[in-house]
C-alpha atoms as a PDB file:
ATOM      1  CA  UNK A   1       5.262  30.879  -2.696  1.00  0.00           C
ATOM      2  CA  UNK A   2       6.455  27.814  -1.457  1.00  0.00           C
ATOM      3  CA  UNK A   3       5.152  26.427   2.108  1.00  0.00           C
ATOM      4  CA  UNK A   4       7.912  26.058   4.903  1.00  0.00           C
ATOM      5  CA  UNK A   5       8.062  22.297   5.492  1.00  0.00           C
ATOM      6  CA  UNK A   6       6.825  20.412   8.929  1.00  0.00           C
ATOM      7  CA  UNK A   7       8.959  17.375   8.986  1.00  0.00           C
ATOM      8  CA  UNK A   8      12.132  16.600   7.878  1.00  0.00           C
ATOM      9  CA  UNK A   9      14.221  13.497   8.404  1.00  0.00           C
ATOM     10  CA  UNK A  10      18.147  12.947   8.899  1.00  0.00           C
ATOM     11  CA  UNK A  11      19.859   9.917   7.623  1.00  0.00           C
ATOM     12  CA  UNK A  12      22.597  10.104   9.344  1.00  0.00           C
ATOM     13  CA  UNK A  13      24.928   7.103   8.368  1.00  0.00           C
ATOM     14  CA  UNK A  14      24.004   3.593   6.344  1.00  0.00           C
ATOM     15  CA  UNK A  15      26.066   2.211   8.536  1.00  0.00           C
ATOM     16  CA  UNK A  16      24.540  -0.679  10.616  1.00  0.00           C
ATOM     17  CA  UNK A  17      25.265  -3.227  12.849  1.00  0.00           C
ATOM     18  CA  UNK A  18      22.227  -5.726  11.790  1.00  0.00           C
ATOM     19  CA  UNK A  19      21.641  -7.507   8.862  1.00  0.00           C
ATOM     20  CA  UNK A  20      17.733  -7.638   7.569  1.00  0.00           C
ATOM     21  CA  UNK A  21      16.476  -9.305   5.187  1.00  0.00           C
ATOM     22  CA  UNK A  22      14.007  -6.874   4.158  1.00  0.00           C
ATOM     23  CA  UNK A  23      17.037  -4.374   3.920  1.00  0.00           C
ATOM     24  CA  UNK A  24      20.464  -4.412   2.470  1.00  0.00           C
ATOM     25  CA  UNK A  25      21.565  -1.493   3.614  1.00  0.00           C
ATOM     26  CA  UNK A  26      24.373  -2.919   5.206  1.00  0.00           C
ATOM     27  CA  UNK A  27      26.169  -3.896   2.416  1.00  0.00           C
ATOM     28  CA  UNK A  28      26.629  -0.711   1.371  1.00  0.00           C
ATOM     29  CA  UNK A  29      27.392   1.316   3.887  1.00  0.00           C
ATOM     30  CA  UNK A  30      29.113   5.572   4.059  1.00  0.00           C
ATOM     31  CA  UNK A  31      32.134   6.187   4.744  1.00  0.00           C
ATOM     32  CA  UNK A  32      32.667   7.802   8.037  1.00  0.00           C
ATOM     33  CA  UNK A  33      34.490  10.132   6.926  1.00  0.00           C
ATOM     34  CA  UNK A  34      32.421  11.476   4.043  1.00  0.00           C
ATOM     35  CA  UNK A  35      29.333  11.588   6.473  1.00  0.00           C
ATOM     36  CA  UNK A  36      27.194  15.010   7.344  1.00  0.00           C
ATOM     37  CA  UNK A  37      28.681  16.716  10.360  1.00  0.00           C
ATOM     38  CA  UNK A  38      26.603  18.174  13.263  1.00  0.00           C
ATOM     39  CA  UNK A  39      27.811  21.730  12.432  1.00  0.00           C
ATOM     40  CA  UNK A  40      26.506  21.056   8.667  1.00  0.00           C
ATOM     41  CA  UNK A  41      23.466  20.745   9.765  1.00  0.00           C
ATOM     42  CA  UNK A  42      22.681  24.060  11.667  1.00  0.00           C
ATOM     43  CA  UNK A  43      21.508  24.800   7.808  1.00  0.00           C
ATOM     44  CA  UNK A  44      18.376  23.179   8.455  1.00  0.00           C
ATOM     45  CA  UNK A  45      14.764  25.236   8.891  1.00  0.00           C
ATOM     46  CA  UNK A  46      12.668  25.343  12.038  1.00  0.00           C
ATOM     47  CA  UNK A  47      10.164  22.149  11.721  1.00  0.00           C
ATOM     48  CA  UNK A  48       7.277  20.424  13.979  1.00  0.00           C
ATOM     49  CA  UNK A  49       9.134  17.143  13.783  1.00  0.00           C
ATOM     50  CA  UNK A  50      12.279  15.518  13.156  1.00  0.00           C
ATOM     51  CA  UNK A  51      13.184  11.908  12.670  1.00  0.00           C
ATOM     52  CA  UNK A  52      16.696  10.809  12.658  1.00  0.00           C
ATOM     53  CA  UNK A  53      17.646   7.352  11.404  1.00  0.00           C
ATOM     54  CA  UNK A  54      19.729   5.474   9.870  1.00  0.00           C
ATOM     55  CA  UNK A  55      21.192   2.967   9.033  1.00  0.00           C
ATOM     56  CA  UNK A  56      21.816   2.587  12.858  1.00  0.00           C
ATOM     57  CA  UNK A  57      22.246   6.266  13.831  1.00  0.00           C
ATOM     58  CA  UNK A  58      23.957   5.302  17.406  1.00  0.00           C
ATOM     59  CA  UNK A  59      26.862   3.733  15.344  1.00  0.00           C
ATOM     60  CA  UNK A  60      27.241   7.742  15.559  1.00  0.00           C
ATOM     61  CA  UNK A  61      29.709   8.412  18.361  1.00  0.00           C
ATOM     62  CA  UNK A  62      28.571  11.942  17.794  1.00  0.00           C
ATOM     63  CA  UNK A  63      24.973  11.392  18.000  1.00  0.00           C
ATOM     64  CA  UNK A  64      24.599  13.764  21.023  1.00  0.00           C
ATOM     65  CA  UNK A  65      26.003  16.517  18.965  1.00  0.00           C
ATOM     66  CA  UNK A  66      23.550  15.824  16.092  1.00  0.00           C
ATOM     67  CA  UNK A  67      20.983  15.856  18.687  1.00  0.00           C
ATOM     68  CA  UNK A  68      21.378  18.968  20.294  1.00  0.00           C
ATOM     69  CA  UNK A  69      21.373  21.068  16.877  1.00  0.00           C
ATOM     70  CA  UNK A  70      18.103  18.943  15.824  1.00  0.00           C
ATOM     71  CA  UNK A  71      16.600  20.339  19.346  1.00  0.00           C
ATOM     72  CA  UNK A  72      17.592  24.089  18.177  1.00  0.00           C
ATOM     73  CA  UNK A  73      15.079  22.998  14.611  1.00  0.00           C
ATOM     74  CA  UNK A  74      12.321  20.993  16.195  1.00  0.00           C
ATOM     75  CA  UNK A  75      10.554  20.543  19.593  1.00  0.00           C
ATOM     76  CA  UNK A  76      10.028  16.986  19.101  1.00  0.00           C
ATOM     77  CA  UNK A  77      12.936  14.619  17.583  1.00  0.00           C
ATOM     78  CA  UNK A  78      12.710  11.060  17.357  1.00  0.00           C
ATOM     79  CA  UNK A  79      15.165   8.811  16.573  1.00  0.00           C
ATOM     80  CA  UNK A  80      14.511   5.058  15.084  1.00  0.00           C
ATOM     81  CA  UNK A  81      17.488   2.160  16.475  1.00  0.00           C
ATOM     82  CA  UNK A  82      17.654  -1.134  16.155  1.00  0.00           C
ATOM     83  CA  UNK A  83      17.996  -1.297  20.445  1.00  0.00           C
ATOM     84  CA  UNK A  84      21.549  -2.816  19.016  1.00  0.00           C
ATOM     85  CA  UNK A  85      23.545  -0.234  21.172  1.00  0.00           C
ATOM     86  CA  UNK A  86      21.849  -0.271  24.674  1.00  0.00           C
ATOM     87  CA  UNK A  87      23.987   1.653  26.482  1.00  0.00           C
ATOM     88  CA  UNK A  88      24.939   4.477  24.137  1.00  0.00           C
ATOM     89  CA  UNK A  89      21.186   4.986  24.445  1.00  0.00           C
ATOM     90  CA  UNK A  90      20.299   5.053  27.942  1.00  0.00           C
ATOM     91  CA  UNK A  91      23.013   7.378  27.926  1.00  0.00           C
ATOM     92  CA  UNK A  92      21.231   9.777  25.709  1.00  0.00           C
ATOM     93  CA  UNK A  93      18.231   9.633  26.418  1.00  0.00           C
ATOM     94  CA  UNK A  94      20.234  10.838  30.170  1.00  0.00           C
ATOM     95  CA  UNK A  95      21.377  14.086  28.454  1.00  0.00           C
ATOM     96  CA  UNK A  96      18.116  14.549  26.281  1.00  0.00           C
ATOM     97  CA  UNK A  97      14.860  13.122  28.229  1.00  0.00           C
ATOM     98  CA  UNK A  98      12.838  14.718  25.814  1.00  0.00           C
ATOM     99  CA  UNK A  99      14.586  12.879  23.316  1.00  0.00           C
ATOM    100  CA  UNK A 100      11.875  10.140  21.103  1.00  0.00           C
ATOM    101  CA  UNK A 101      13.104   6.446  20.757  1.00  0.00           C
ATOM    102  CA  UNK A 102      11.526   3.725  17.776  1.00  0.00           C
ATOM    103  CA  UNK A 103      12.879   0.987  18.670  1.00  0.00           C
ATOM    104  CA  UNK A 104      12.562  -1.754  15.378  1.00  0.00           C
ATOM    105  CA  UNK A 105      11.458  -5.271  16.446  1.00  0.00           C
ATOM    106  CA  UNK A 106      10.422  -7.290  13.736  1.00  0.00           C
ATOM    107  CA  UNK A 107       8.178 -10.362  15.407  1.00  0.00           C
ATOM    108  CA  UNK A 108       8.756 -11.912  18.750  1.00  0.00           C
ATOM    109  CA  UNK A 109      12.051 -13.250  19.656  1.00  0.00           C
ATOM    110  CA  UNK A 110      12.783 -15.942  17.089  1.00  0.00           C
ATOM    111  CA  UNK A 111      11.238 -14.239  14.381  1.00  0.00           C
ATOM    112  CA  UNK A 112      12.649 -10.877  14.847  1.00  0.00           C
ATOM    113  CA  UNK A 113      16.178 -12.072  15.083  1.00  0.00           C
ATOM    114  CA  UNK A 114      15.685 -14.424  12.352  1.00  0.00           C
ATOM    115  CA  UNK A 115      14.748 -11.634  10.144  1.00  0.00           C
ATOM    116  CA  UNK A 116      16.798  -8.779  11.538  1.00  0.00           C
ATOM    117  CA  UNK A 117      19.988 -11.438  10.960  1.00  0.00           C
ATOM    118  CA  UNK A 118      21.116 -11.022  14.303  1.00  0.00           C
ATOM    119  CA  UNK A 119      20.795 -13.032  17.506  1.00  0.00           C
ATOM    120  CA  UNK A 120      19.753 -11.534  20.946  1.00  0.00           C
ATOM    121  CA  UNK A 121      18.061  -8.155  18.930  1.00  0.00           C
ATOM    122  CA  UNK A 122      14.637  -8.667  20.312  1.00  0.00           C
ATOM    123  CA  UNK A 123      16.564  -9.267  23.695  1.00  0.00           C
ATOM    124  CA  UNK A 124      18.286  -5.857  23.382  1.00  0.00           C
ATOM    125  CA  UNK A 125      15.287  -3.670  22.369  1.00  0.00           C
ATOM    126  CA  UNK A 126      12.730  -4.921  24.906  1.00  0.00           C
ATOM    127  CA  UNK A 127      15.490  -4.700  27.609  1.00  0.00           C
ATOM    128  CA  UNK A 128      16.065  -1.285  26.765  1.00  0.00           C
ATOM    129  CA  UNK A 129      12.451   0.011  25.998  1.00  0.00           C
ATOM    130  CA  UNK A 130      12.009  -1.128  30.101  1.00  0.00           C
ATOM    131  CA  UNK A 131      15.012   0.300  30.816  1.00  0.00           C
ATOM    132  CA  UNK A 132      13.740   3.638  29.391  1.00  0.00           C
ATOM    133  CA  UNK A 133      10.275   3.496  30.954  1.00  0.00           C
ATOM    134  CA  UNK A 134      12.267   2.893  34.563  1.00  0.00           C
ATOM    135  CA  UNK A 135      13.888   6.346  33.767  1.00  0.00           C
ATOM    136  CA  UNK A 136      10.956   8.021  32.754  1.00  0.00           C
ATOM    137  CA  UNK A 137      11.694   8.955  29.133  1.00  0.00           C
ATOM    138  CA  UNK A 138       7.622   9.261  27.649  1.00  0.00           C
ATOM    139  CA  UNK A 139       7.897   9.313  24.026  1.00  0.00           C
ATOM    140  CA  UNK A 140       9.414   5.781  23.848  1.00  0.00           C
ATOM    141  CA  UNK A 141       7.433   2.461  21.772  1.00  0.00           C
ATOM    142  CA  UNK A 142       8.436  -0.084  19.423  1.00  0.00           C
ATOM    143  CA  UNK A 143       7.490  -0.450  15.229  1.00  0.00           C
ATOM    144  CA  UNK A 144       7.327  -3.364  13.131  1.00  0.00           C
ATOM    145  CA  UNK A 145       8.154  -4.092   9.156  1.00  0.00           C
ATOM    146  CA  UNK A 146       5.469  -6.138   7.859  1.00  0.00           C
ATOM    147  CA  UNK A 147       6.830  -8.752   5.340  1.00  0.00           C
ATOM    148  CA  UNK A 148       5.442 -12.384   4.208  1.00  0.00           C
ATOM    149  CA  UNK A 149       5.724 -14.369   7.310  1.00  0.00           C
ATOM    150  CA  UNK A 150       5.641 -12.007  10.419  1.00  0.00           C
ATOM    151  CA  UNK A 151       1.896 -10.542  10.277  1.00  0.00           C
ATOM    152  CA  UNK A 152       0.435 -12.995  13.651  1.00  0.00           C
ATOM    153  CA  UNK A 153       3.527 -11.821  15.552  1.00  0.00           C
ATOM    154  CA  UNK A 154       2.721  -8.131  15.025  1.00  0.00           C
ATOM    155  CA  UNK A 155      -1.181  -8.708  16.909  1.00  0.00           C
ATOM    156  CA  UNK A 156       1.148  -9.832  19.752  1.00  0.00           C
ATOM    157  CA  UNK A 157       3.394  -7.589  19.762  1.00  0.00           C
ATOM    158  CA  UNK A 158       0.210  -5.081  19.750  1.00  0.00           C
ATOM    159  CA  UNK A 159      -0.635  -6.635  23.058  1.00  0.00           C
ATOM    160  CA  UNK A 160       2.715  -6.313  24.441  1.00  0.00           C
ATOM    161  CA  UNK A 161       2.926  -2.338  23.864  1.00  0.00           C
ATOM    162  CA  UNK A 162      -0.508  -1.649  24.949  1.00  0.00           C
ATOM    163  CA  UNK A 163       0.704  -3.768  28.540  1.00  0.00           C
ATOM    164  CA  UNK A 164       3.642  -1.582  28.549  1.00  0.00           C
ATOM    165  CA  UNK A 165       2.312   1.372  27.730  1.00  0.00           C
ATOM    166  CA  UNK A 166       4.293   2.065  25.243  1.00  0.00           C
ATOM    167  CA  UNK A 167       3.523   3.125  21.193  1.00  0.00           C
ATOM    168  CA  UNK A 168       3.204   0.781  18.364  1.00  0.00           C
ATOM    169  CA  UNK A 169       3.902   1.643  14.665  1.00  0.00           C
ATOM    170  CA  UNK A 170       3.753  -0.216  11.565  1.00  0.00           C
ATOM    171  CA  UNK A 171       4.923  -0.258   8.242  1.00  0.00           C
ATOM    172  CA  UNK A 172       5.152  -2.824   5.467  1.00  0.00           C
ATOM    173  CA  UNK A 173       8.388  -3.441   3.623  1.00  0.00           C
ATOM    174  CA  UNK A 174       9.109  -1.230   0.317  1.00  0.00           C
ATOM    175  CA  UNK A 175      11.703  -1.290  -2.241  1.00  0.00           C
ATOM    176  CA  UNK A 176      13.898   1.826  -2.866  1.00  0.00           C
ATOM    177  CA  UNK A 177      17.447   3.120  -3.133  1.00  0.00           C
ATOM    178  CA  UNK A 178      16.965   4.146   0.863  1.00  0.00           C
ATOM    179  CA  UNK A 179      17.057   0.067   1.359  1.00  0.00           C
ATOM    180  CA  UNK A 180      19.037  -1.380  -1.508  1.00  0.00           C
ATOM    181  CA  UNK A 181      16.064  -3.538  -2.080  1.00  0.00           C
ATOM    182  CA  UNK A 182      14.011  -4.064  -5.250  1.00  0.00           C
ATOM    183  CA  UNK A 183      12.526  -7.570  -4.630  1.00  0.00           C
ATOM    184  CA  UNK A 184      10.758  -6.964  -1.601  1.00  0.00           C
ATOM    185  CA  UNK A 185       6.934  -8.274  -2.198  1.00  0.00           C
ATOM    186  CA  UNK A 186       4.337  -9.432  -0.310  1.00  0.00           C
ATOM    187  CA  UNK A 187       3.090 -12.759  -1.102  1.00  0.00           C
ATOM    188  CA  UNK A 188       0.724 -14.212   1.636  1.00  0.00           C
ATOM    189  CA  UNK A 189      -1.459 -11.221   1.336  1.00  0.00           C
ATOM    190  CA  UNK A 190      -5.030 -12.657   2.011  1.00  0.00           C
ATOM    191  CA  UNK A 191      -2.854 -13.839   5.636  1.00  0.00           C
ATOM    192  CA  UNK A 192      -1.273 -10.299   5.924  1.00  0.00           C
ATOM    193  CA  UNK A 193      -4.476  -8.124   5.153  1.00  0.00           C
ATOM    194  CA  UNK A 194      -6.322 -10.614   7.317  1.00  0.00           C
ATOM    195  CA  UNK A 195      -3.946  -9.032  10.500  1.00  0.00           C
ATOM    196  CA  UNK A 196      -4.453  -6.339   9.242  1.00  0.00           C
ATOM    197  CA  UNK A 197      -7.989  -6.100   9.451  1.00  0.00           C
ATOM    198  CA  UNK A 198      -7.415  -7.486  12.795  1.00  0.00           C
ATOM    199  CA  UNK A 199      -5.076  -5.069  14.014  1.00  0.00           C
ATOM    200  CA  UNK A 200      -7.551  -1.955  13.078  1.00  0.00           C
ATOM    201  CA  UNK A 201     -10.400  -3.607  15.078  1.00  0.00           C
ATOM    202  CA  UNK A 202      -8.309  -3.374  18.053  1.00  0.00           C
ATOM    203  CA  UNK A 203      -7.500  -0.027  17.857  1.00  0.00           C
ATOM    204  CA  UNK A 204     -10.809   0.986  17.061  1.00  0.00           C
ATOM    205  CA  UNK A 205     -11.845  -0.401  20.615  1.00  0.00           C
ATOM    206  CA  UNK A 206      -8.852   1.602  22.131  1.00  0.00           C
ATOM    207  CA  UNK A 207     -10.033   4.834  23.974  1.00  0.00           C
ATOM    208  CA  UNK A 208      -7.115   7.145  22.725  1.00  0.00           C
ATOM    209  CA  UNK A 209      -8.060   9.176  18.920  1.00  0.00           C
ATOM    210  CA  UNK A 210      -4.405   8.707  17.993  1.00  0.00           C
ATOM    211  CA  UNK A 211      -5.169   4.873  17.671  1.00  0.00           C
ATOM    212  CA  UNK A 212      -8.147   5.387  15.593  1.00  0.00           C
ATOM    213  CA  UNK A 213      -5.958   7.713  13.221  1.00  0.00           C
ATOM    214  CA  UNK A 214      -3.270   5.065  13.225  1.00  0.00           C
ATOM    215  CA  UNK A 215      -6.363   1.857  12.371  1.00  0.00           C
ATOM    216  CA  UNK A 216      -6.595   4.694   9.381  1.00  0.00           C
ATOM    217  CA  UNK A 217      -3.348   4.037   8.258  1.00  0.00           C
ATOM    218  CA  UNK A 218      -2.937   0.640   8.281  1.00  0.00           C
ATOM    219  CA  UNK A 219      -5.556   0.694   6.047  1.00  0.00           C
ATOM    220  CA  UNK A 220      -3.797   2.143   4.310  1.00  0.00           C
ATOM    221  CA  UNK A 221      -1.512  -0.250   4.048  1.00  0.00           C
ATOM    222  CA  UNK A 222      -3.987  -2.762   3.122  1.00  0.00           C
ATOM    223  CA  UNK A 223      -4.284  -0.418   0.081  1.00  0.00           C
ATOM    224  CA  UNK A 224      -0.659  -0.197  -0.673  1.00  0.00           C
ATOM    225  CA  UNK A 225      -0.709  -3.923  -0.406  1.00  0.00           C
ATOM    226  CA  UNK A 226      -2.983  -4.739  -2.784  1.00  0.00           C
ATOM    227  CA  UNK A 227      -1.046  -2.554  -4.966  1.00  0.00           C
ATOM    228  CA  UNK A 228      -3.844   0.227  -5.053  1.00  0.00           C
ATOM    229  CA  UNK A 229      -3.311   3.941  -6.001  1.00  0.00           C
ATOM    230  CA  UNK A 230      -2.294   5.511  -2.989  1.00  0.00           C
ATOM    231  CA  UNK A 231      -5.066   6.656  -0.722  1.00  0.00           C
ATOM    232  CA  UNK A 232      -3.809  10.458  -0.219  1.00  0.00           C
ATOM    233  CA  UNK A 233      -1.605  12.655  -2.015  1.00  0.00           C
ATOM    234  CA  UNK A 234       1.882  12.418  -1.793  1.00  0.00           C
ATOM    235  CA  UNK A 235       3.681  15.481  -0.959  1.00  0.00           C
ATOM    236  CA  UNK A 236       6.866  14.610  -0.440  1.00  0.00           C
ATOM    237  CA  UNK A 237       9.363  17.663  -0.823  1.00  0.00           C
ATOM    238  CA  UNK A 238       6.543  20.106  -0.183  1.00  0.00           C
ATOM    239  CA  UNK A 239       5.763  19.667   3.820  1.00  0.00           C
ATOM    240  CA  UNK A 240       8.726  17.050   4.550  1.00  0.00           C
ATOM    241  CA  UNK A 241      11.951  16.036   2.848  1.00  0.00           C
ATOM    242  CA  UNK A 242      14.821  13.466   4.159  1.00  0.00           C
ATOM    243  CA  UNK A 243      18.518  14.561   4.201  1.00  0.00           C
ATOM    244  CA  UNK A 244      20.891  11.789   3.385  1.00  0.00           C
ATOM    245  CA  UNK A 245      24.733  10.798   4.789  1.00  0.00           C
ATOM    246  CA  UNK A 246      26.394  12.795   1.977  1.00  0.00           C
ATOM    247  CA  UNK A 247      23.566  15.916   2.744  1.00  0.00           C
ATOM    248  CA  UNK A 248      21.690  15.337  -0.357  1.00  0.00           C
ATOM    249  CA  UNK A 249      17.979  16.450  -0.376  1.00  0.00           C
ATOM    250  CA  UNK A 250      15.719  14.132  -1.405  1.00  0.00           C
ATOM    251  CA  UNK A 251      11.612  14.462  -1.472  1.00  0.00           C
ATOM    252  CA  UNK A 252      11.193  10.775   0.360  1.00  0.00           C
ATOM    253  CA  UNK A 253      13.574   7.761   0.877  1.00  0.00           C
ATOM    254  CA  UNK A 254      11.608   5.655  -1.352  1.00  0.00           C
ATOM    255  CA  UNK A 255      12.594   7.152  -4.716  1.00  0.00           C
ATOM    256  CA  UNK A 256      13.718   3.931  -7.186  1.00  0.00           C
ATOM    257  CA  UNK A 257      15.921   4.681 -10.132  1.00  0.00           C
ATOM    258  CA  UNK A 258      13.858   2.886 -12.406  1.00  0.00           C
ATOM    259  CA  UNK A 259      11.441   5.327 -12.076  1.00  0.00           C
ATOM    260  CA  UNK A 260      13.390   8.498 -11.138  1.00  0.00           C
ATOM    261  CA  UNK A 261      15.500   9.941  -8.074  1.00  0.00           C
ATOM    262  CA  UNK A 262      16.570  13.346  -8.440  1.00  0.00           C
ATOM    263  CA  UNK A 263      18.325  15.373  -5.620  1.00  0.00           C
ATOM    264  CA  UNK A 264      16.608  19.064  -4.434  1.00  0.00           C
ATOM    265  CA  UNK A 265      19.964  20.212  -3.832  1.00  0.00           C
ATOM    266  CA  UNK A 266      22.832  19.335  -1.218  1.00  0.00           C
ATOM    267  CA  UNK A 267      23.253  21.446   2.048  1.00  0.00           C
ATOM    268  CA  UNK A 268      27.254  21.754   1.599  1.00  0.00           C
ATOM    269  CA  UNK A 269      26.414  23.615  -1.217  1.00  0.00           C
ATOM    270  CA  UNK A 270      24.756  26.561  -0.128  1.00  0.00           C
ATOM    271  CA  UNK A 271      24.651  29.332   2.206  1.00  0.00           C
ATOM    272  CA  UNK A 272      20.716  28.968   3.631  1.00  0.00           C
ATOM    273  CA  UNK A 273      18.611  26.067   2.958  1.00  0.00           C
ATOM    274  CA  UNK A 274      15.912  28.451   1.074  1.00  0.00           C
ATOM    275  CA  UNK A 275      18.352  28.268  -1.650  1.00  0.00           C
ATOM    276  CA  UNK A 276      18.067  25.008  -1.883  1.00  0.00           C
ATOM    277  CA  UNK A 277      13.742  24.640  -0.939  1.00  0.00           C
ATOM    278  CA  UNK A 278      13.115  27.818  -3.385  1.00  0.00           C
ATOM    279  CA  UNK A 279      15.198  26.847  -6.053  1.00  0.00           C
ATOM    280  CA  UNK A 280      13.979  25.883  -9.708  1.00  0.00           C
ATOM    281  CA  UNK A 281      15.496  22.416  -9.138  1.00  0.00           C
ATOM    282  CA  UNK A 282      13.240  21.625  -5.969  1.00  0.00           C
ATOM    283  CA  UNK A 283      10.761  22.640  -8.567  1.00  0.00           C
ATOM    284  CA  UNK A 284      11.236  20.242 -10.873  1.00  0.00           C
ATOM    285  CA  UNK A 285      11.498  17.214  -8.135  1.00  0.00           C
ATOM    286  CA  UNK A 286       7.903  18.569  -6.744  1.00  0.00           C
ATOM    287  CA  UNK A 287       7.001  18.475 -10.502  1.00  0.00           C
ATOM    288  CA  UNK A 288       8.616  14.826 -10.233  1.00  0.00           C
ATOM    289  CA  UNK A 289       6.568  14.009  -7.439  1.00  0.00           C
ATOM    290  CA  UNK A 290       3.461  15.241  -8.761  1.00  0.00           C
ATOM    291  CA  UNK A 291       3.482  12.306 -11.496  1.00  0.00           C
ATOM    292  CA  UNK A 292       5.639   9.763  -9.479  1.00  0.00           C
ATOM    293  CA  UNK A 293       3.859   6.560  -9.990  1.00  0.00           C
ATOM    294  CA  UNK A 294       4.856   4.784  -6.666  1.00  0.00           C
ATOM    295  CA  UNK A 295       2.261   4.178  -4.300  1.00  0.00           C
ATOM    296  CA  UNK A 296       4.526   3.959  -0.989  1.00  0.00           C
ATOM    297  CA  UNK A 297       2.289   4.241   2.017  1.00  0.00           C
ATOM    298  CA  UNK A 298       4.997   5.043   4.514  1.00  0.00           C
ATOM    299  CA  UNK A 299       4.431   7.480   8.332  1.00  0.00           C
ATOM    300  CA  UNK A 300       6.714   9.699   5.992  1.00  0.00           C
ATOM    301  CA  UNK A 301       5.077  10.605   3.556  1.00  0.00           C
ATOM    302  CA  UNK A 302       1.772   9.519   5.302  1.00  0.00           C
ATOM    303  CA  UNK A 303       1.264  11.035   7.989  1.00  0.00           C
ATOM    304  CA  UNK A 304       2.324  14.916   6.891  1.00  0.00           C
ATOM    305  CA  UNK A 305      -0.578  14.692   4.356  1.00  0.00           C
ATOM    306  CA  UNK A 306      -2.857  12.476   7.070  1.00  0.00           C
ATOM    307  CA  UNK A 307      -3.189  15.670   8.673  1.00  0.00           C
ATOM    308  CA  UNK A 308      -3.557  17.983   5.865  1.00  0.00           C
ATOM    309  CA  UNK A 309      -6.331  16.580   4.235  1.00  0.00           C
ATOM    310  CA  UNK A 310      -7.573  15.727   7.869  1.00  0.00           C
ATOM    311  CA  UNK A 311     -11.254  15.613   6.984  1.00  0.00           C
ATOM    312  CA  UNK A 312     -10.911  12.215   4.717  1.00  0.00           C
ATOM    313  CA  UNK A 313      -9.780  10.497   7.418  1.00  0.00           C
ATOM    314  CA  UNK A 314     -11.688  12.129  10.247  1.00  0.00           C
ATOM    315  CA  UNK A 315     -14.406  10.769   8.441  1.00  0.00           C
ATOM    316  CA  UNK A 316     -12.977   7.182   7.954  1.00  0.00           C
ATOM    317  CA  UNK A 317     -12.698   7.423  11.703  1.00  0.00           C
ATOM    318  CA  UNK A 318     -15.784   8.986  12.980  1.00  0.00           C
ATOM    319  CA  UNK A 319     -17.788   6.211  10.663  1.00  0.00           C
ATOM    320  CA  UNK A 320     -15.593   2.812  11.683  1.00  0.00           C
ATOM    321  CA  UNK A 321     -15.226   4.402  15.459  1.00  0.00           C
ATOM    322  CA  UNK A 322     -18.987   4.136  15.272  1.00  0.00           C
ATOM    323  CA  UNK A 323     -19.238   0.706  13.799  1.00  0.00           C
ATOM    324  CA  UNK A 324     -16.646  -0.527  16.431  1.00  0.00           C
ATOM    325  CA  UNK A 325     -18.817   1.062  19.475  1.00  0.00           C
ATOM    326  CA  UNK A 326     -21.888  -0.644  17.702  1.00  0.00           C
ATOM    327  CA  UNK A 327     -20.170  -4.063  17.080  1.00  0.00           C
ATOM    328  CA  UNK A 328     -21.796  -3.261  13.431  1.00  0.00           C
ATOM    329  CA  UNK A 329     -18.723  -4.493  10.523  1.00  0.00           C
ATOM    330  CA  UNK A 330     -15.955  -1.875   9.574  1.00  0.00           C
ATOM    331  CA  UNK A 331     -16.133  -0.230   6.856  1.00  0.00           C
ATOM    332  CA  UNK A 332     -12.083  -0.919   5.155  1.00  0.00           C
ATOM    333  CA  UNK A 333     -12.528   0.444   1.775  1.00  0.00           C
ATOM    334  CA  UNK A 334      -9.961   1.317  -0.217  1.00  0.00           C
ATOM    335  CA  UNK A 335     -10.966   5.134  -1.319  1.00  0.00           C
ATOM    336  CA  UNK A 336      -9.023   7.753  -3.085  1.00  0.00           C
ATOM    337  CA  UNK A 337      -9.335  10.286  -1.731  1.00  0.00           C
ATOM    338  CA  UNK A 338      -9.055  13.237  -4.699  1.00  0.00           C
ATOM    339  CA  UNK A 339      -8.258  16.447  -3.448  1.00  0.00           C
ATOM    340  CA  UNK A 340      -6.736  17.782  -6.530  1.00  0.00           C
ATOM    341  CA  UNK A 341      -3.657  15.608  -7.155  1.00  0.00           C
ATOM    342  CA  UNK A 342      -2.862  14.196 -10.577  1.00  0.00           C
ATOM    343  CA  UNK A 343      -4.391  11.376 -11.060  1.00  0.00           C
ATOM    344  CA  UNK A 344      -1.381   9.422 -12.390  1.00  0.00           C
ATOM    345  CA  UNK A 345       0.385   9.947  -8.753  1.00  0.00           C
ATOM    346  CA  UNK A 346       0.628   6.832  -6.653  1.00  0.00           C
ATOM    347  CA  UNK A 347      -0.585   4.583  -9.568  1.00  0.00           C
ATOM    348  CA  UNK A 348       2.010   1.611  -9.917  1.00  0.00           C
ATOM    349  CA  UNK A 349      -1.071  -0.623 -10.860  1.00  0.00           C
ATOM    350  CA  UNK A 350      -1.607   1.156 -14.222  1.00  0.00           C
ATOM    351  CA  UNK A 351       1.805   1.888 -15.143  1.00  0.00           C
ATOM    352  CA  UNK A 352       2.495  -1.566 -14.994  1.00  0.00           C
ATOM    353  CA  UNK A 353      -0.517  -2.834 -16.879  1.00  0.00           C
ATOM    354  CA  UNK A 354       0.758  -0.307 -19.873  1.00  0.00           C
END
């Protein structure tokens, strides 16, 4: 029997006001009239967590209706946004005070606006976060996608998040159909890895277990940047799924046509989500995931397996937290944790060598 998913991500639109250097989604916008409607999302299953993303979700004038449907499916709904539409964000948070908001900030003011291609983006994002905090919205924070020349700013943003008592998330840029990018590559690996190691040390000094597990996630990002095999298996399409703006259900947003890209089904073509989730096509996609060569390490697919195979992250955390307390060197080895996954999965380096 196929277990029920725990996490889902809804890509509401590919329209976006930003002009990010690491993402060309804005050059490939969806047609507004063809985007999934709130009513169509009622078919989705009940899960533990929902992420709403884009493009820019707040470009949708019916986002409040989408949020209302998704709160009937999950106790926790988080929107990933550029923060560009300040007034819309505040208005939505007034209506849904339990909403989570994560604003993408790619560096301090000058660096952020350079990378995101719009002047004033940093100011808008920070101003929105401060307004949300003033309103008493609890589930707020910002995150950075580390590329070639903003990893030093990552450390500054971490300290800013600490001062503001907000969540701080990290990512490294990837290639995929979703980003419409296939040439993202970190070239100054030593500098970026060094800054991630500094961030990990800072997170392990915190009193929050959540920060310690984020340190483990960041160790996984170092492993990804080095091109190594995924530390934990990818179970995309089994514990989580993505719905694109046209209603297609994908296991993740990291697919590339040069390796494979296949939908599990479309919510517009069925009467129940189980028809998709338990279908032969869904099982075919899962078999492709099990042998997928990409070594992606994104929170959408890493977080669920970190929870499922908690023993390995927990051992890492216990060992390194102790080292941190004793002021000993951290053990940031790039382990591949064998939990029965196909050894070919996430092994892009081997594929490129063949």
